[in-house]
Amino acid sequence: MKKKQPDTNIPQHEIETVARCLLPEIQKFFESTEGKKEFEEWKAQRAKETEKERSI
């Protein structure tokens, strides 16, 4: 019997199949100019939020 993810009824092999399909596309996005720009914007936003939380 295959292990299931916690709190789901989705078999692990199905999750892994979907992940194998999505991972190359996610990697391509983050290697692209647009993906790098969005990631830098996200990091800057996250840093602002973290700084705001520390000052409270």
PDB file of N, CA and C in Angstrom:
ATOM      1  N   MET A   1       0.836  -1.175   0.000  1.00  0.00           N
ATOM      2  CA  MET A   1       0.000   0.000   0.000  1.00  0.00           C
ATOM      3  C   MET A   1       0.886   1.245   0.000  1.00  0.00           C
ATOM      4  N   LYS A   2       0.536   2.223  -0.865  1.00  0.00           N
ATOM      5  CA  LYS A   2       1.285   3.468  -0.971  1.00  0.00           C
ATOM      6  C   LYS A   2       0.929   4.398   0.185  1.00  0.00           C
ATOM      7  N   LYS A   3       1.921   5.175   0.637  1.00  0.00           N
ATOM      8  CA  LYS A   3       1.670   6.176   1.671  1.00  0.00           C
ATOM      9  C   LYS A   3       0.845   7.310   1.088  1.00  0.00           C
ATOM     10  N   LYS A   4       0.024   7.907   1.916  1.00  0.00           N
ATOM     11  CA  LYS A   4      -0.761   9.074   1.521  1.00  0.00           C
ATOM     12  C   LYS A   4      -0.231  10.292   2.255  1.00  0.00           C
ATOM     13  N   GLN A   5      -0.403  11.450   1.638  1.00  0.00           N
ATOM     14  CA  GLN A   5      -0.033  12.701   2.283  1.00  0.00           C
ATOM     15  C   GLN A   5      -0.946  12.900   3.490  1.00  0.00           C
ATOM     16  N   PRO A   6      -0.447  13.551   4.519  1.00  0.00           N
ATOM     17  CA  PRO A   6      -1.294  13.829   5.682  1.00  0.00           C
ATOM     18  C   PRO A   6      -2.507  14.677   5.302  1.00  0.00           C
ATOM     19  N   ASP A   7      -3.633  14.356   5.883  1.00  0.00           N
ATOM     20  CA  ASP A   7      -4.873  15.108   5.705  1.00  0.00           C
ATOM     21  C   ASP A   7      -5.391  15.169   4.272  1.00  0.00           C
ATOM     22  N   THR A   8      -5.007  14.240   3.425  1.00  0.00           N
ATOM     23  CA  THR A   8      -5.562  14.185   2.069  1.00  0.00           C
ATOM     24  C   THR A   8      -5.908  12.738   1.742  1.00  0.00           C
ATOM     25  N   ASN A   9      -6.679  12.591   0.710  1.00  0.00           N
ATOM     26  CA  ASN A   9      -6.968  11.253   0.212  1.00  0.00           C
ATOM     27  C   ASN A   9      -6.231  10.990  -1.095  1.00  0.00           C
ATOM     28  N   ILE A  10      -5.257  11.847  -1.404  1.00  0.00           N
ATOM     29  CA  ILE A  10      -4.515  11.721  -2.649  1.00  0.00           C
ATOM     30  C   ILE A  10      -3.327  10.795  -2.425  1.00  0.00           C
ATOM     31  N   PRO A  11      -3.231   9.727  -3.213  1.00  0.00           N
ATOM     32  CA  PRO A  11      -2.091   8.823  -3.061  1.00  0.00           C
ATOM     33  C   PRO A  11      -0.772   9.527  -3.399  1.00  0.00           C
ATOM     34  N   GLN A  12       0.281   9.164  -2.701  1.00  0.00           N
ATOM     35  CA  GLN A  12       1.588   9.789  -2.879  1.00  0.00           C
ATOM     36  C   GLN A  12       2.064   9.718  -4.330  1.00  0.00           C
ATOM     37  N   HIS A  13       1.832   8.601  -5.011  1.00  0.00           N
ATOM     38  CA  HIS A  13       2.319   8.483  -6.387  1.00  0.00           C
ATOM     39  C   HIS A  13       1.645   9.491  -7.318  1.00  0.00           C
ATOM     40  N   GLU A  14       0.407   9.861  -7.039  1.00  0.00           N
ATOM     41  CA  GLU A  14      -0.275  10.870  -7.849  1.00  0.00           C
ATOM     42  C   GLU A  14       0.294  12.256  -7.585  1.00  0.00           C
ATOM     43  N   ILE A  15       0.611  12.553  -6.343  1.00  0.00           N
ATOM     44  CA  ILE A  15       1.234  13.831  -5.998  1.00  0.00           C
ATOM     45  C   ILE A  15       2.596  13.939  -6.690  1.00  0.00           C
ATOM     46  N   GLU A  16       3.359  12.871  -6.661  1.00  0.00           N
ATOM     47  CA  GLU A  16       4.674  12.877  -7.294  1.00  0.00           C
ATOM     48  C   GLU A  16       4.567  13.030  -8.805  1.00  0.00           C
ATOM     49  N   THR A  17       3.557  12.438  -9.419  1.00  0.00           N
ATOM     50  CA  THR A  17       3.356  12.575 -10.864  1.00  0.00           C
ATOM     51  C   THR A  17       3.070  14.021 -11.230  1.00  0.00           C
ATOM     52  N   VAL A  18       2.203  14.662 -10.485  1.00  0.00           N
ATOM     53  CA  VAL A  18       1.887  16.065 -10.746  1.00  0.00           C
ATOM     54  C   VAL A  18       3.135  16.923 -10.531  1.00  0.00           C
ATOM     55  N   ALA A  19       3.866  16.652  -9.465  1.00  0.00           N
ATOM     56  CA  ALA A  19       5.080  17.425  -9.178  1.00  0.00           C
ATOM     57  C   ALA A  19       6.096  17.283 -10.308  1.00  0.00           C
ATOM     58  N   ARG A  20       6.241  16.079 -10.865  1.00  0.00           N
ATOM     59  CA  ARG A  20       7.179  15.875 -11.974  1.00  0.00           C
ATOM     60  C   ARG A  20       6.776  16.674 -13.203  1.00  0.00           C
ATOM     61  N   CYS A  21       5.488  16.873 -13.398  1.00  0.00           N
ATOM     62  CA  CYS A  21       5.001  17.665 -14.538  1.00  0.00           C
ATOM     63  C   CYS A  21       5.208  19.158 -14.302  1.00  0.00           C
ATOM     64  N   LEU A  22       4.993  19.611 -13.086  1.00  0.00           N
ATOM     65  CA  LEU A  22       5.052  21.039 -12.781  1.00  0.00           C
ATOM     66  C   LEU A  22       6.467  21.574 -12.568  1.00  0.00           C
ATOM     67  N   LEU A  23       7.333  20.778 -11.998  1.00  0.00           N
ATOM     68  CA  LEU A  23       8.660  21.257 -11.622  1.00  0.00           C
ATOM     69  C   LEU A  23       9.434  21.880 -12.779  1.00  0.00           C
ATOM     70  N   PRO A  24       9.513  21.250 -13.954  1.00  0.00           N
ATOM     71  CA  PRO A  24      10.272  21.881 -15.049  1.00  0.00           C
ATOM     72  C   PRO A  24       9.717  23.252 -15.447  1.00  0.00           C
ATOM     73  N   GLU A  25       8.408  23.410 -15.424  1.00  0.00           N
ATOM     74  CA  GLU A  25       7.803  24.697 -15.769  1.00  0.00           C
ATOM     75  C   GLU A  25       8.102  25.747 -14.698  1.00  0.00           C
ATOM     76  N   ILE A  26       8.058  25.348 -13.449  1.00  0.00           N
ATOM     77  CA  ILE A  26       8.380  26.268 -12.352  1.00  0.00           C
ATOM     78  C   ILE A  26       9.840  26.694 -12.457  1.00  0.00           C
ATOM     79  N   GLN A  27      10.719  25.743 -12.739  1.00  0.00           N
ATOM     80  CA  GLN A  27      12.137  26.068 -12.877  1.00  0.00           C
ATOM     81  C   GLN A  27      12.371  27.036 -14.040  1.00  0.00           C
ATOM     82  N   LYS A  28      11.712  26.790 -15.168  1.00  0.00           N
ATOM     83  CA  LYS A  28      11.862  27.686 -16.324  1.00  0.00           C
ATOM     84  C   LYS A  28      11.414  29.100 -15.976  1.00  0.00           C
ATOM     85  N   PHE A  29      10.299  29.204 -15.255  1.00  0.00           N
ATOM     86  CA  PHE A  29       9.796  30.514 -14.877  1.00  0.00           C
ATOM     87  C   PHE A  29      10.812  31.256 -14.018  1.00  0.00           C
ATOM     88  N   PHE A  30      11.336  30.603 -12.989  1.00  0.00           N
ATOM     89  CA  PHE A  30      12.260  31.277 -12.090  1.00  0.00           C
ATOM     90  C   PHE A  30      13.619  31.539 -12.718  1.00  0.00           C
ATOM     91  N   GLU A  31      13.937  30.879 -13.808  1.00  0.00           N
ATOM     92  CA  GLU A  31      15.172  31.158 -14.538  1.00  0.00           C
ATOM     93  C   GLU A  31      14.977  32.283 -15.558  1.00  0.00           C
ATOM     94  N   SER A  32      13.734  32.621 -15.874  1.00  0.00           N
ATOM     95  CA  SER A  32      13.441  33.668 -16.858  1.00  0.00           C
ATOM     96  C   SER A  32      13.649  35.046 -16.239  1.00  0.00           C
ATOM     97  N   THR A  33      13.774  36.053 -17.103  1.00  0.00           N
ATOM     98  CA  THR A  33      13.917  37.440 -16.650  1.00  0.00           C
ATOM     99  C   THR A  33      12.709  37.848 -15.819  1.00  0.00           C
ATOM    100  N   GLU A  34      11.528  37.529 -16.311  1.00  0.00           N
ATOM    101  CA  GLU A  34      10.299  37.872 -15.587  1.00  0.00           C
ATOM    102  C   GLU A  34      10.254  37.188 -14.218  1.00  0.00           C
ATOM    103  N   GLY A  35      10.607  35.917 -14.177  1.00  0.00           N
ATOM    104  CA  GLY A  35      10.593  35.174 -12.925  1.00  0.00           C
ATOM    105  C   GLY A  35      11.583  35.726 -11.920  1.00  0.00           C
ATOM    106  N   LYS A  36      12.779  36.072 -12.389  1.00  0.00           N
ATOM    107  CA  LYS A  36      13.792  36.646 -11.493  1.00  0.00           C
ATOM    108  C   LYS A  36      13.317  37.983 -10.942  1.00  0.00           C
ATOM    109  N   LYS A  37      12.687  38.795 -11.802  1.00  0.00           N
ATOM    110  CA  LYS A  37      12.176  40.096 -11.369  1.00  0.00           C
ATOM    111  C   LYS A  37      11.095  39.916 -10.305  1.00  0.00           C
ATOM    112  N   GLU A  38      10.147  39.025 -10.571  1.00  0.00           N
ATOM    113  CA  GLU A  38       9.067  38.793  -9.601  1.00  0.00           C
ATOM    114  C   GLU A  38       9.598  38.254  -8.275  1.00  0.00           C
ATOM    115  N   PHE A  39      10.606  37.395  -8.343  1.00  0.00           N
ATOM    116  CA  PHE A  39      11.181  36.842  -7.121  1.00  0.00           C
ATOM    117  C   PHE A  39      11.862  37.937  -6.309  1.00  0.00           C
ATOM    118  N   GLU A  40      12.597  38.829  -6.986  1.00  0.00           N
ATOM    119  CA  GLU A  40      13.244  39.935  -6.280  1.00  0.00           C
ATOM    120  C   GLU A  40      12.199  40.852  -5.649  1.00  0.00           C
ATOM    121  N   GLU A  41      11.106  41.113  -6.362  1.00  0.00           N
ATOM    122  CA  GLU A  41      10.023  41.934  -5.804  1.00  0.00           C
ATOM    123  C   GLU A  41       9.409  41.259  -4.587  1.00  0.00           C
ATOM    124  N   TRP A  42       9.227  39.956  -4.668  1.00  0.00           N
ATOM    125  CA  TRP A  42       8.658  39.209  -3.540  1.00  0.00           C
ATOM    126  C   TRP A  42       9.596  39.285  -2.331  1.00  0.00           C
ATOM    127  N   LYS A  43      10.900  39.115  -2.571  1.00  0.00           N
ATOM    128  CA  LYS A  43      11.860  39.176  -1.462  1.00  0.00           C
ATOM    129  C   LYS A  43      11.852  40.564  -0.816  1.00  0.00           C
ATOM    130  N   ALA A  44      11.770  41.619  -1.634  1.00  0.00           N
ATOM    131  CA  ALA A  44      11.738  42.974  -1.091  1.00  0.00           C
ATOM    132  C   ALA A  44      10.478  43.191  -0.258  1.00  0.00           C
ATOM    133  N   GLN A  45       9.351  42.725  -0.764  1.00  0.00           N
ATOM    134  CA  GLN A  45       8.095  42.852  -0.023  1.00  0.00           C
ATOM    135  C   GLN A  45       8.164  42.074   1.291  1.00  0.00           C
ATOM    136  N   ARG A  46       8.709  40.895   1.234  1.00  0.00           N
ATOM    137  CA  ARG A  46       8.842  40.058   2.432  1.00  0.00           C
ATOM    138  C   ARG A  46       9.742  40.730   3.466  1.00  0.00           C
ATOM    139  N   ALA A  47      10.833  41.352   2.998  1.00  0.00           N
ATOM    140  CA  ALA A  47      11.737  42.045   3.908  1.00  0.00           C
ATOM    141  C   ALA A  47      11.025  43.208   4.593  1.00  0.00           C
ATOM    142  N   LYS A  48      10.197  43.953   3.845  1.00  0.00           N
ATOM    143  CA  LYS A  48       9.426  45.054   4.436  1.00  0.00           C
ATOM    144  C   LYS A  48       8.473  44.532   5.500  1.00  0.00           C
ATOM    145  N   GLU A  49       7.783  43.429   5.193  1.00  0.00           N
ATOM    146  CA  GLU A  49       6.830  42.853   6.146  1.00  0.00           C
ATOM    147  C   GLU A  49       7.552  42.378   7.404  1.00  0.00           C
ATOM    148  N   THR A  50       8.696  41.756   7.234  1.00  0.00           N
ATOM    149  CA  THR A  50       9.466  41.258   8.373  1.00  0.00           C
ATOM    150  C   THR A  50       9.937  42.419   9.235  1.00  0.00           C
ATOM    151  N   GLU A  51      10.424  43.475   8.583  1.00  0.00           N
ATOM    152  CA  GLU A  51      10.877  44.652   9.316  1.00  0.00           C
ATOM    153  C   GLU A  51       9.730  45.305  10.085  1.00  0.00           C
ATOM    154  N   LYS A  52       8.567  45.361   9.452  1.00  0.00           N
ATOM    155  CA  LYS A  52       7.383  45.947  10.097  1.00  0.00           C
ATOM    156  C   LYS A  52       7.002  45.129  11.333  1.00  0.00           C
ATOM    157  N   GLU A  53       7.047  43.797  11.225  1.00  0.00           N
ATOM    158  CA  GLU A  53       6.705  42.918  12.343  1.00  0.00           C
ATOM    159  C   GLU A  53       7.680  43.087  13.497  1.00  0.00           C
ATOM    160  N   ARG A  54       8.936  43.289  13.183  1.00  0.00           N
ATOM    161  CA  ARG A  54       9.955  43.459  14.235  1.00  0.00           C
ATOM    162  C   ARG A  54       9.798  44.767  14.987  1.00  0.00           C
ATOM    163  N   SER A  55       9.274  45.784  14.303  1.00  0.00           N
ATOM    164  CA  SER A  55       9.146  47.101  14.943  1.00  0.00           C
ATOM    165  C   SER A  55       7.908  47.208  15.830  1.00  0.00           C
ATOM    166  N   ILE A  56       7.033  46.223  15.739  1.00  0.00           N
ATOM    167  CA  ILE A  56       5.792  46.265  16.547  1.00  0.00           C
ATOM    168  C   ILE A  56       6.058  45.774  17.950  1.00  0.00           C
TER     169      ILE A  56
END
